[in-house]
Amino acid sequence: MMNYEVNAILTLKKQHPCGGVQWKIARVGADIKLQCTTCGKYLNMTRDELKKRAKSTLTQGENL
């Protein structure tokens, strides 16, 4: 199981409709809230869904 940290930057397999490919983790809990670094829109997904859709982690966030 991966540990997700607030403010970490992720790359997902598919890009956002705005063209952005990098996402910042805004909140961690049962669901994970991501913010597009290009347009600022938010997206909620479960940990299992994020595990499937995440391509790589670019930067580490705050350790909670």
Protein backbone atom coordinates (compact mmCIF):
# COMPACT_ATOMS: atom_id res chain seq x y z
CA MET A 1 0.00 0.00 0.00
CA MET A 2 1.36 3.41 -0.98
CA ASN A 3 1.51 6.26 1.50
CA TYR A 4 0.16 9.49 0.07
CA GLU A 5 1.23 12.82 1.56
CA VAL A 6 -0.34 16.28 1.35
CA ASN A 7 1.35 18.58 -1.23
CA ALA A 8 3.01 15.70 -3.10
CA ILE A 9 2.93 16.14 -6.89
CA LEU A 10 1.72 13.14 -8.94
CA THR A 11 1.52 12.36 -12.63
CA LEU A 12 -1.55 10.40 -13.73
CA LYS A 13 -1.76 8.13 -16.78
CA LYS A 14 -4.37 10.29 -18.55
CA GLN A 15 -4.21 14.05 -18.80
CA HIS A 16 -6.91 16.43 -17.59
CA PRO A 17 -9.14 18.09 -20.26
CA CYS A 18 -7.26 21.37 -19.66
CA GLY A 19 -4.05 19.65 -20.80
CA GLY A 20 -2.47 19.32 -17.35
CA VAL A 21 -0.77 16.08 -16.33
CA GLN A 22 0.45 16.99 -12.84
CA TRP A 23 -1.74 16.85 -9.74
CA LYS A 24 -1.10 18.05 -6.16
CA ILE A 25 -2.56 16.08 -3.26
CA ALA A 26 -4.80 18.49 -1.34
CA ARG A 27 -6.31 16.12 1.25
CA VAL A 28 -5.68 12.57 2.42
CA GLY A 29 -8.28 10.42 4.16
CA ALA A 30 -10.58 7.59 3.08
CA ASP A 31 -10.67 9.40 -0.27
CA ILE A 32 -7.87 11.47 -1.73
CA LYS A 33 -8.48 14.97 -3.07
CA LEU A 34 -6.26 16.06 -5.96
CA GLN A 35 -5.83 19.54 -7.45
CA CYS A 36 -4.78 20.05 -11.08
CA THR A 37 -1.61 22.17 -11.10
CA THR A 38 -2.61 23.74 -14.45
CA CYS A 39 -6.21 24.92 -13.94
CA GLY A 40 -6.79 24.40 -10.19
CA LYS A 41 -9.82 22.08 -10.46
CA TYR A 42 -10.29 19.45 -7.75
CA LEU A 43 -10.86 15.72 -8.19
CA ASN A 44 -11.77 13.15 -5.53
CA MET A 45 -10.90 9.47 -5.85
CA THR A 46 -10.46 6.44 -3.65
CA ARG A 47 -7.02 5.11 -2.75
CA ASP A 48 -7.55 2.04 -4.95
CA GLU A 49 -8.56 4.18 -7.91
CA LEU A 50 -5.52 6.46 -7.45
CA LYS A 51 -3.22 3.45 -7.18
CA LYS A 52 -4.42 2.31 -10.63
CA ARG A 53 -4.31 5.76 -12.25
CA ALA A 54 -1.03 7.13 -10.82
CA LYS A 55 1.99 6.98 -13.11
CA SER A 56 4.71 8.48 -10.91
CA THR A 57 5.41 10.76 -7.93
CA LEU A 58 7.46 13.83 -8.82
CA THR A 59 7.90 15.43 -5.38
CA GLN A 60 7.27 14.35 -1.81
CA GLY A 61 4.81 16.26 0.35
CA GLU A 62 4.45 16.93 4.04
CA ASN A 63 4.79 13.90 6.27
CA LEU A 64 1.62 13.65 8.40
